[in-house]
N, C-alpha and C. Protein backbone atom coordinates (compact mmCIF):
# COMPACT_ATOMS: atom_id res chain seq x y z
N MET A 1 -0.31 26.16 -65.78
CA MET A 1 -0.43 25.46 -64.53
C MET A 1 -1.88 25.46 -64.06
N VAL A 2 -2.54 26.58 -64.14
CA VAL A 2 -3.94 26.66 -63.73
C VAL A 2 -4.80 25.79 -64.63
N LEU A 3 -4.50 25.81 -65.92
CA LEU A 3 -5.27 24.98 -66.85
C LEU A 3 -5.07 23.51 -66.57
N ASP A 4 -3.85 23.12 -66.18
CA ASP A 4 -3.59 21.73 -65.82
C ASP A 4 -4.43 21.32 -64.63
N ILE A 5 -4.49 22.17 -63.65
CA ILE A 5 -5.29 21.88 -62.46
C ILE A 5 -6.77 21.78 -62.83
N LEU A 6 -7.21 22.71 -63.68
CA LEU A 6 -8.61 22.71 -64.08
C LEU A 6 -8.97 21.47 -64.90
N SER A 7 -8.03 20.99 -65.74
CA SER A 7 -8.32 19.82 -66.57
C SER A 7 -8.29 18.52 -65.77
N VAL A 8 -7.46 18.45 -64.73
CA VAL A 8 -7.33 17.25 -63.92
C VAL A 8 -8.52 17.08 -62.99
N ALA A 9 -8.99 18.16 -62.45
CA ALA A 9 -10.06 18.08 -61.46
C ALA A 9 -11.25 18.93 -61.89
N PRO A 10 -11.98 18.48 -62.94
CA PRO A 10 -13.11 19.28 -63.42
C PRO A 10 -14.14 19.61 -62.35
N PRO A 11 -14.51 18.68 -61.47
CA PRO A 11 -15.51 19.06 -60.46
C PRO A 11 -15.00 20.18 -59.54
N LEU A 12 -13.74 20.11 -59.19
CA LEU A 12 -13.15 21.14 -58.34
C LEU A 12 -13.11 22.48 -59.08
N ALA A 13 -12.74 22.42 -60.35
CA ALA A 13 -12.67 23.64 -61.15
C ALA A 13 -14.04 24.29 -61.28
N VAL A 14 -15.04 23.48 -61.53
CA VAL A 14 -16.39 24.02 -61.66
C VAL A 14 -16.82 24.66 -60.34
N GLU A 15 -16.51 24.00 -59.25
CA GLU A 15 -16.88 24.53 -57.93
C GLU A 15 -16.16 25.86 -57.65
N LEU A 16 -14.86 25.93 -57.97
CA LEU A 16 -14.12 27.17 -57.77
C LEU A 16 -14.68 28.30 -58.62
N ILE A 17 -15.01 28.00 -59.85
CA ILE A 17 -15.56 29.02 -60.74
C ILE A 17 -16.92 29.49 -60.23
N GLN A 18 -17.74 28.55 -59.74
CA GLN A 18 -19.05 28.92 -59.23
C GLN A 18 -18.92 29.83 -58.00
N ARG A 19 -17.98 29.52 -57.13
CA ARG A 19 -17.81 30.32 -55.91
C ARG A 19 -17.32 31.73 -56.20
N THR A 20 -16.55 31.89 -57.25
CA THR A 20 -15.97 33.21 -57.53
C THR A 20 -16.58 33.89 -58.74
N SER A 21 -17.61 33.29 -59.32
CA SER A 21 -18.19 33.89 -60.53
C SER A 21 -19.08 35.08 -60.22
N SER A 22 -19.55 35.17 -59.01
CA SER A 22 -20.43 36.28 -58.65
C SER A 22 -19.65 37.58 -58.57
N ALA A 23 -20.04 38.52 -59.40
CA ALA A 23 -19.37 39.82 -59.37
C ALA A 23 -19.59 40.50 -58.04
N VAL A 24 -20.73 40.28 -57.44
CA VAL A 24 -21.03 40.88 -56.14
C VAL A 24 -20.07 40.34 -55.08
N ARG A 25 -19.82 39.05 -55.12
CA ARG A 25 -18.90 38.44 -54.14
C ARG A 25 -17.48 38.98 -54.32
N VAL A 26 -17.02 39.05 -55.55
CA VAL A 26 -15.68 39.58 -55.82
C VAL A 26 -15.62 41.05 -55.42
N GLN A 27 -16.66 41.79 -55.72
CA GLN A 27 -16.71 43.20 -55.34
C GLN A 27 -16.63 43.35 -53.83
N HIS A 28 -17.33 42.48 -53.12
CA HIS A 28 -17.29 42.53 -51.65
C HIS A 28 -15.88 42.25 -51.13
N ILE A 29 -15.21 41.27 -51.72
CA ILE A 29 -13.84 40.96 -51.30
C ILE A 29 -12.90 42.13 -51.61
N LEU A 30 -13.09 42.75 -52.76
CA LEU A 30 -12.27 43.92 -53.09
C LEU A 30 -12.50 45.05 -52.09
N GLN A 31 -13.75 45.26 -51.69
CA GLN A 31 -14.04 46.30 -50.71
C GLN A 31 -13.37 45.98 -49.38
N LEU A 32 -13.41 44.71 -48.98
CA LEU A 32 -12.78 44.31 -47.72
C LEU A 32 -11.27 44.48 -47.78
N SER A 33 -10.69 44.32 -48.96
CA SER A 33 -9.24 44.39 -49.07
C SER A 33 -8.71 45.82 -49.22
N LEU A 34 -9.59 46.80 -49.39
CA LEU A 34 -9.12 48.18 -49.57
C LEU A 34 -8.40 48.71 -48.34
N ALA A 35 -8.95 48.50 -47.16
CA ALA A 35 -8.30 49.01 -45.94
C ALA A 35 -6.91 48.42 -45.76
N PRO A 36 -6.75 47.09 -45.89
CA PRO A 36 -5.39 46.56 -45.76
C PRO A 36 -4.43 47.08 -46.83
N VAL A 37 -4.93 47.30 -48.04
CA VAL A 37 -4.07 47.80 -49.11
C VAL A 37 -3.63 49.23 -48.82
N PHE A 38 -4.54 50.06 -48.32
CA PHE A 38 -4.15 51.42 -47.93
C PHE A 38 -3.16 51.39 -46.77
N LEU A 39 -3.37 50.48 -45.84
CA LEU A 39 -2.42 50.32 -44.74
C LEU A 39 -1.05 49.92 -45.28
N LEU A 40 -1.03 49.04 -46.25
CA LEU A 40 0.23 48.62 -46.87
C LEU A 40 0.94 49.80 -47.50
N ALA A 41 0.20 50.67 -48.16
CA ALA A 41 0.79 51.88 -48.75
C ALA A 41 1.37 52.78 -47.66
N GLY A 42 0.65 52.91 -46.55
CA GLY A 42 1.15 53.72 -45.43
C GLY A 42 2.40 53.12 -44.82
N ILE A 43 2.42 51.82 -44.67
CA ILE A 43 3.61 51.14 -44.13
C ILE A 43 4.79 51.39 -45.05
N GLY A 44 4.55 51.33 -46.35
CA GLY A 44 5.64 51.59 -47.32
C GLY A 44 6.20 52.99 -47.17
N ALA A 45 5.33 53.98 -46.97
CA ALA A 45 5.80 55.36 -46.80
C ALA A 45 6.60 55.51 -45.52
N ILE A 46 6.12 54.90 -44.45
CA ILE A 46 6.84 54.96 -43.17
C ILE A 46 8.20 54.29 -43.29
N MET A 47 8.22 53.13 -43.96
CA MET A 47 9.49 52.41 -44.12
C MET A 47 10.47 53.19 -44.97
N ASN A 48 9.97 53.95 -45.93
CA ASN A 48 10.85 54.80 -46.74
C ASN A 48 11.59 55.79 -45.86
N VAL A 49 10.88 56.40 -44.92
CA VAL A 49 11.51 57.34 -43.99
C VAL A 49 12.50 56.61 -43.10
N MET A 50 12.11 55.45 -42.58
CA MET A 50 13.00 54.69 -41.69
C MET A 50 14.29 54.27 -42.40
N VAL A 51 14.14 53.78 -43.62
CA VAL A 51 15.31 53.32 -44.37
C VAL A 51 16.22 54.49 -44.73
N SER A 52 15.64 55.63 -45.07
CA SER A 52 16.46 56.82 -45.36
C SER A 52 17.29 57.20 -44.15
N ARG A 53 16.66 57.15 -43.01
CA ARG A 53 17.37 57.48 -41.76
C ARG A 53 18.46 56.45 -41.47
N LEU A 54 18.15 55.19 -41.70
CA LEU A 54 19.12 54.11 -41.49
C LEU A 54 20.31 54.28 -42.42
N ILE A 55 20.09 54.66 -43.65
CA ILE A 55 21.18 54.89 -44.60
C ILE A 55 22.06 56.05 -44.13
N TRP A 56 21.43 57.12 -43.63
CA TRP A 56 22.21 58.25 -43.14
C TRP A 56 23.08 57.82 -41.96
N ILE A 57 22.51 57.06 -41.04
CA ILE A 57 23.27 56.61 -39.86
C ILE A 57 24.44 55.73 -40.30
N GLY A 58 24.19 54.81 -41.22
CA GLY A 58 25.26 53.95 -41.72
C GLY A 58 26.37 54.74 -42.39
N GLY A 59 25.99 55.75 -43.16
CA GLY A 59 26.99 56.61 -43.79
C GLY A 59 27.82 57.36 -42.77
N ARG A 60 27.18 57.83 -41.73
CA ARG A 60 27.90 58.55 -40.66
C ARG A 60 28.88 57.62 -39.94
N ILE A 61 28.45 56.39 -39.68
CA ILE A 61 29.34 55.41 -39.04
C ILE A 61 30.54 55.14 -39.95
N ASP A 62 30.30 54.99 -41.24
CA ASP A 62 31.40 54.78 -42.19
C ASP A 62 32.36 55.96 -42.19
N LEU A 63 31.84 57.17 -42.13
CA LEU A 63 32.67 58.37 -42.10
C LEU A 63 33.56 58.37 -40.86
N ILE A 64 33.00 58.04 -39.72
CA ILE A 64 33.79 57.98 -38.48
C ILE A 64 34.85 56.89 -38.57
N ASP A 65 34.49 55.73 -39.13
CA ASP A 65 35.46 54.64 -39.28
C ASP A 65 36.59 55.05 -40.22
N ASN A 66 36.27 55.75 -41.30
CA ASN A 66 37.30 56.21 -42.24
C ASN A 66 38.23 57.23 -41.59
N ARG A 67 37.65 58.12 -40.78
CA ARG A 67 38.48 59.09 -40.05
C ARG A 67 39.42 58.38 -39.09
N ALA A 68 38.91 57.35 -38.43
CA ALA A 68 39.74 56.60 -37.48
C ALA A 68 40.89 55.88 -38.20
N ASN A 69 40.63 55.41 -39.41
CA ASN A 69 41.69 54.76 -40.19
C ASN A 69 42.73 55.77 -40.64
N ASP A 70 42.28 56.98 -41.00
CA ASP A 70 43.20 58.02 -41.45
C ASP A 70 44.01 58.61 -40.30
N ASN A 71 43.41 58.74 -39.16
CA ASN A 71 44.05 59.34 -37.99
C ASN A 71 43.73 58.48 -36.76
N PRO A 72 44.60 57.51 -36.44
CA PRO A 72 44.32 56.59 -35.34
C PRO A 72 44.18 57.28 -33.97
N ARG A 73 44.74 58.47 -33.81
CA ARG A 73 44.64 59.17 -32.52
C ARG A 73 43.26 59.78 -32.31
N ARG A 74 42.59 60.08 -33.40
CA ARG A 74 41.26 60.71 -33.31
C ARG A 74 40.28 59.70 -32.71
N THR A 75 39.52 60.14 -31.76
CA THR A 75 38.55 59.24 -31.13
C THR A 75 37.15 59.85 -31.19
N ASP A 76 36.31 59.20 -31.91
CA ASP A 76 34.89 59.55 -31.97
C ASP A 76 34.11 58.39 -31.39
N VAL A 77 34.66 57.81 -30.32
CA VAL A 77 34.09 56.60 -29.74
C VAL A 77 32.67 56.83 -29.23
N SER A 78 32.46 57.95 -28.55
CA SER A 78 31.12 58.18 -28.00
C SER A 78 30.09 58.40 -29.11
N GLU A 79 30.48 59.14 -30.15
CA GLU A 79 29.54 59.36 -31.25
C GLU A 79 29.27 58.06 -32.00
N ARG A 80 30.31 57.26 -32.19
CA ARG A 80 30.14 55.98 -32.89
C ARG A 80 29.23 55.05 -32.09
N ALA A 81 29.42 54.98 -30.79
CA ALA A 81 28.56 54.13 -29.94
C ALA A 81 27.11 54.61 -30.01
N TRP A 82 26.93 55.93 -29.98
CA TRP A 82 25.60 56.52 -30.07
C TRP A 82 24.94 56.17 -31.41
N LEU A 83 25.72 56.26 -32.49
CA LEU A 83 25.20 55.92 -33.81
C LEU A 83 24.89 54.43 -33.94
N LEU A 84 25.71 53.59 -33.32
CA LEU A 84 25.45 52.15 -33.36
C LEU A 84 24.14 51.81 -32.65
N LYS A 85 23.88 52.50 -31.54
CA LYS A 85 22.62 52.30 -30.82
C LYS A 85 21.45 52.75 -31.71
N ARG A 86 21.59 53.89 -32.34
CA ARG A 86 20.55 54.38 -33.24
C ARG A 86 20.34 53.43 -34.41
N ARG A 87 21.44 52.90 -34.96
CA ARG A 87 21.32 51.97 -36.08
C ARG A 87 20.58 50.71 -35.66
N GLN A 88 20.88 50.21 -34.47
CA GLN A 88 20.19 49.02 -33.98
C GLN A 88 18.68 49.27 -33.86
N LEU A 89 18.32 50.42 -33.30
CA LEU A 89 16.90 50.75 -33.17
C LEU A 89 16.24 50.89 -34.54
N ALA A 90 16.92 51.57 -35.46
CA ALA A 90 16.36 51.78 -36.80
C ALA A 90 16.24 50.46 -37.57
N GLN A 91 17.24 49.59 -37.45
CA GLN A 91 17.19 48.30 -38.14
C GLN A 91 16.04 47.45 -37.61
N THR A 92 15.86 47.44 -36.30
CA THR A 92 14.77 46.66 -35.71
C THR A 92 13.42 47.25 -36.12
N ALA A 93 13.33 48.58 -36.17
CA ALA A 93 12.09 49.22 -36.62
C ALA A 93 11.77 48.84 -38.06
N VAL A 94 12.78 48.82 -38.92
CA VAL A 94 12.57 48.43 -40.33
C VAL A 94 12.15 46.97 -40.41
N MET A 95 12.75 46.11 -39.61
CA MET A 95 12.36 44.70 -39.61
C MET A 95 10.91 44.53 -39.17
N CYS A 96 10.50 45.27 -38.16
CA CYS A 96 9.10 45.20 -37.71
C CYS A 96 8.17 45.73 -38.80
N GLY A 97 8.56 46.80 -39.45
CA GLY A 97 7.76 47.33 -40.55
C GLY A 97 7.64 46.35 -41.70
N THR A 98 8.73 45.68 -42.01
CA THR A 98 8.71 44.67 -43.07
C THR A 98 7.79 43.51 -42.68
N GLY A 99 7.90 43.09 -41.43
CA GLY A 99 7.02 42.02 -40.94
C GLY A 99 5.56 42.41 -41.02
N SER A 100 5.25 43.65 -40.67
CA SER A 100 3.85 44.11 -40.75
C SER A 100 3.38 44.17 -42.20
N ALA A 101 4.26 44.56 -43.12
CA ALA A 101 3.89 44.60 -44.54
C ALA A 101 3.63 43.19 -45.07
N VAL A 102 4.45 42.24 -44.65
CA VAL A 102 4.24 40.85 -45.07
C VAL A 102 2.91 40.34 -44.53
N LEU A 103 2.64 40.61 -43.26
CA LEU A 103 1.40 40.13 -42.67
C LEU A 103 0.16 40.78 -43.28
N ILE A 104 0.22 42.07 -43.59
CA ILE A 104 -0.95 42.71 -44.20
C ILE A 104 -1.16 42.18 -45.62
N SER A 105 -0.07 41.83 -46.30
CA SER A 105 -0.21 41.19 -47.61
C SER A 105 -0.85 39.82 -47.46
N LEU A 106 -0.50 39.11 -46.41
CA LEU A 106 -1.12 37.82 -46.11
C LEU A 106 -2.62 37.99 -45.84
N VAL A 107 -2.99 39.05 -45.14
CA VAL A 107 -4.41 39.33 -44.88
C VAL A 107 -5.16 39.49 -46.20
N VAL A 108 -4.61 40.26 -47.12
CA VAL A 108 -5.26 40.47 -48.42
C VAL A 108 -5.39 39.14 -49.16
N MET A 109 -4.32 38.36 -49.16
CA MET A 109 -4.36 37.07 -49.83
C MET A 109 -5.43 36.17 -49.20
N LEU A 110 -5.47 36.12 -47.88
CA LEU A 110 -6.45 35.28 -47.19
C LEU A 110 -7.88 35.73 -47.47
N LEU A 111 -8.09 37.02 -47.63
CA LEU A 111 -9.43 37.50 -47.98
C LEU A 111 -9.88 36.92 -49.31
N PHE A 112 -8.99 36.87 -50.29
CA PHE A 112 -9.35 36.31 -51.58
C PHE A 112 -9.44 34.79 -51.53
N VAL A 113 -8.57 34.15 -50.77
CA VAL A 113 -8.64 32.69 -50.62
C VAL A 113 -9.95 32.29 -49.96
N SER A 114 -10.43 33.11 -49.05
CA SER A 114 -11.68 32.78 -48.35
C SER A 114 -12.87 32.66 -49.31
N ALA A 115 -12.76 33.27 -50.48
CA ALA A 115 -13.84 33.13 -51.47
C ALA A 115 -13.83 31.77 -52.13
N TRP A 116 -12.70 31.08 -52.10
CA TRP A 116 -12.58 29.80 -52.78
C TRP A 116 -12.79 28.60 -51.88
N ILE A 117 -12.62 28.79 -50.60
CA ILE A 117 -12.70 27.64 -49.70
C ILE A 117 -13.95 27.73 -48.83
N GLU A 118 -14.37 26.59 -48.36
CA GLU A 118 -15.54 26.56 -47.48
C GLU A 118 -15.16 26.81 -46.03
N ALA A 119 -13.95 26.46 -45.67
CA ALA A 119 -13.52 26.63 -44.28
C ALA A 119 -13.59 28.10 -43.88
N GLN A 120 -14.03 28.35 -42.69
CA GLN A 120 -14.12 29.70 -42.16
C GLN A 120 -12.75 30.10 -41.63
N ILE A 121 -12.14 31.11 -42.22
CA ILE A 121 -10.79 31.52 -41.81
C ILE A 121 -10.78 32.93 -41.26
N GLY A 122 -11.92 33.40 -40.83
CA GLY A 122 -12.01 34.75 -40.27
C GLY A 122 -11.11 34.94 -39.07
N THR A 123 -10.99 33.91 -38.24
CA THR A 123 -10.13 34.00 -37.06
C THR A 123 -8.67 34.15 -37.47
N ILE A 124 -8.26 33.41 -38.48
CA ILE A 124 -6.87 33.51 -38.97
C ILE A 124 -6.61 34.91 -39.52
N ILE A 125 -7.58 35.43 -40.26
CA ILE A 125 -7.44 36.78 -40.82
C ILE A 125 -7.35 37.81 -39.70
N ALA A 126 -8.19 37.66 -38.68
CA ALA A 126 -8.16 38.60 -37.55
C ALA A 126 -6.83 38.52 -36.80
N ILE A 127 -6.32 37.32 -36.60
CA ILE A 127 -5.03 37.17 -35.91
C ILE A 127 -3.91 37.81 -36.73
N ALA A 128 -3.94 37.60 -38.05
CA ALA A 128 -2.91 38.21 -38.91
C ALA A 128 -3.02 39.74 -38.86
N TRP A 129 -4.24 40.27 -38.82
CA TRP A 129 -4.44 41.72 -38.74
C TRP A 129 -3.89 42.25 -37.40
N ILE A 130 -4.21 41.56 -36.32
CA ILE A 130 -3.73 41.98 -34.99
C ILE A 130 -2.20 41.92 -34.93
N ALA A 131 -1.63 40.86 -35.48
CA ALA A 131 -0.16 40.74 -35.50
C ALA A 131 0.45 41.85 -36.35
N THR A 132 -0.20 42.21 -37.45
CA THR A 132 0.26 43.33 -38.29
C THR A 132 0.32 44.61 -37.47
N MET A 133 -0.77 44.89 -36.77
CA MET A 133 -0.83 46.13 -35.99
C MET A 133 0.19 46.11 -34.86
N ALA A 134 0.37 44.94 -34.22
CA ALA A 134 1.36 44.85 -33.14
C ALA A 134 2.77 45.13 -33.66
N LEU A 135 3.13 44.53 -34.79
CA LEU A 135 4.45 44.78 -35.37
C LEU A 135 4.61 46.23 -35.78
N LEU A 136 3.55 46.81 -36.34
CA LEU A 136 3.62 48.22 -36.74
C LEU A 136 3.80 49.12 -35.53
N ILE A 137 3.08 48.84 -34.46
CA ILE A 137 3.21 49.64 -33.24
C ILE A 137 4.61 49.53 -32.67
N VAL A 138 5.15 48.31 -32.61
CA VAL A 138 6.51 48.12 -32.09
C VAL A 138 7.51 48.86 -32.98
N GLY A 139 7.36 48.72 -34.30
CA GLY A 139 8.27 49.41 -35.23
C GLY A 139 8.22 50.92 -35.07
N LEU A 140 7.02 51.46 -34.92
CA LEU A 140 6.89 52.91 -34.73
C LEU A 140 7.44 53.35 -33.38
N ALA A 141 7.26 52.53 -32.35
CA ALA A 141 7.82 52.86 -31.03
C ALA A 141 9.35 52.87 -31.09
N LEU A 142 9.93 51.90 -31.79
CA LEU A 142 11.39 51.87 -31.94
C LEU A 142 11.88 53.07 -32.75
N PHE A 143 11.15 53.42 -33.78
CA PHE A 143 11.51 54.58 -34.58
C PHE A 143 11.41 55.86 -33.75
N PHE A 144 10.39 55.94 -32.92
CA PHE A 144 10.23 57.08 -32.02
C PHE A 144 11.42 57.14 -31.05
N ARG A 145 11.80 56.00 -30.52
CA ARG A 145 12.95 55.94 -29.59
C ARG A 145 14.23 56.40 -30.30
N GLU A 146 14.41 55.97 -31.54
CA GLU A 146 15.60 56.38 -32.29
C GLU A 146 15.56 57.89 -32.53
N ALA A 147 14.41 58.43 -32.85
CA ALA A 147 14.29 59.88 -33.09
C ALA A 147 14.55 60.66 -31.80
N MET A 148 14.10 60.16 -30.68
CA MET A 148 14.36 60.82 -29.40
C MET A 148 15.86 60.77 -29.08
N LEU A 149 16.48 59.66 -29.37
CA LEU A 149 17.92 59.52 -29.15
C LEU A 149 18.69 60.49 -30.06
N ALA A 150 18.20 60.68 -31.27
CA ALA A 150 18.88 61.54 -32.24
C ALA A 150 18.83 63.02 -31.86
N ARG A 151 17.83 63.42 -31.13
CA ARG A 151 17.67 64.85 -30.83
C ARG A 151 18.48 65.31 -29.63
N ARG A 152 19.08 64.39 -28.92
CA ARG A 152 19.92 64.77 -27.77
C ARG A 152 21.24 65.34 -28.25
N PRO A 153 21.74 66.37 -27.57
CA PRO A 153 23.05 66.92 -27.93
C PRO A 153 24.16 65.86 -27.73
N VAL A 154 25.26 66.06 -28.42
CA VAL A 154 26.36 65.09 -28.40
C VAL A 154 26.84 64.79 -26.99
N GLY A 155 26.92 65.76 -26.13
CA GLY A 155 27.48 65.54 -24.79
C GLY A 155 26.54 64.90 -23.80
N SER A 156 25.25 64.82 -24.10
CA SER A 156 24.29 64.31 -23.12
C SER A 156 23.64 63.00 -23.54
N ARG A 157 24.37 62.18 -24.22
CA ARG A 157 23.79 60.92 -24.72
C ARG A 157 23.76 59.89 -23.61
N ARG A 158 22.57 59.34 -23.43
CA ARG A 158 22.37 58.22 -22.51
C ARG A 158 21.61 57.15 -23.29
N SER A 159 21.78 55.90 -22.93
CA SER A 159 21.07 54.82 -23.62
C SER A 159 19.69 54.65 -23.10
């Protein structure tokens, strides 16, 4: 596919190669992309913890549902409601984390695309970075809220 593009538009191909042929330029782009890549690794580690917690909550909800099916008189309604609230917070936190990972990947891609195009896209990259951080902050705040909810004793649960 790349060869097809290069053969159809030789002037464009030559221009693209000239813009990216400088090892110094590529090195500079790689240096710029290191911080977002490390952030992406950190987001992945955080999401691993969030997803593990979400799996535990889902398993606990399933256990309560199975108990209710086995013994209809047994009521774990308050614990189930508490777990559903925690699951909602954890799911939203994971979604925010996923969104931030997608956006930081977009930042890295845009950094490399900026080497090929003449248009100045620094503002777009900055907006994507800010949106990444906003989603990460919201996701961490939701995860913090879920953790605070989890540490309350069974009898003192409030939303």
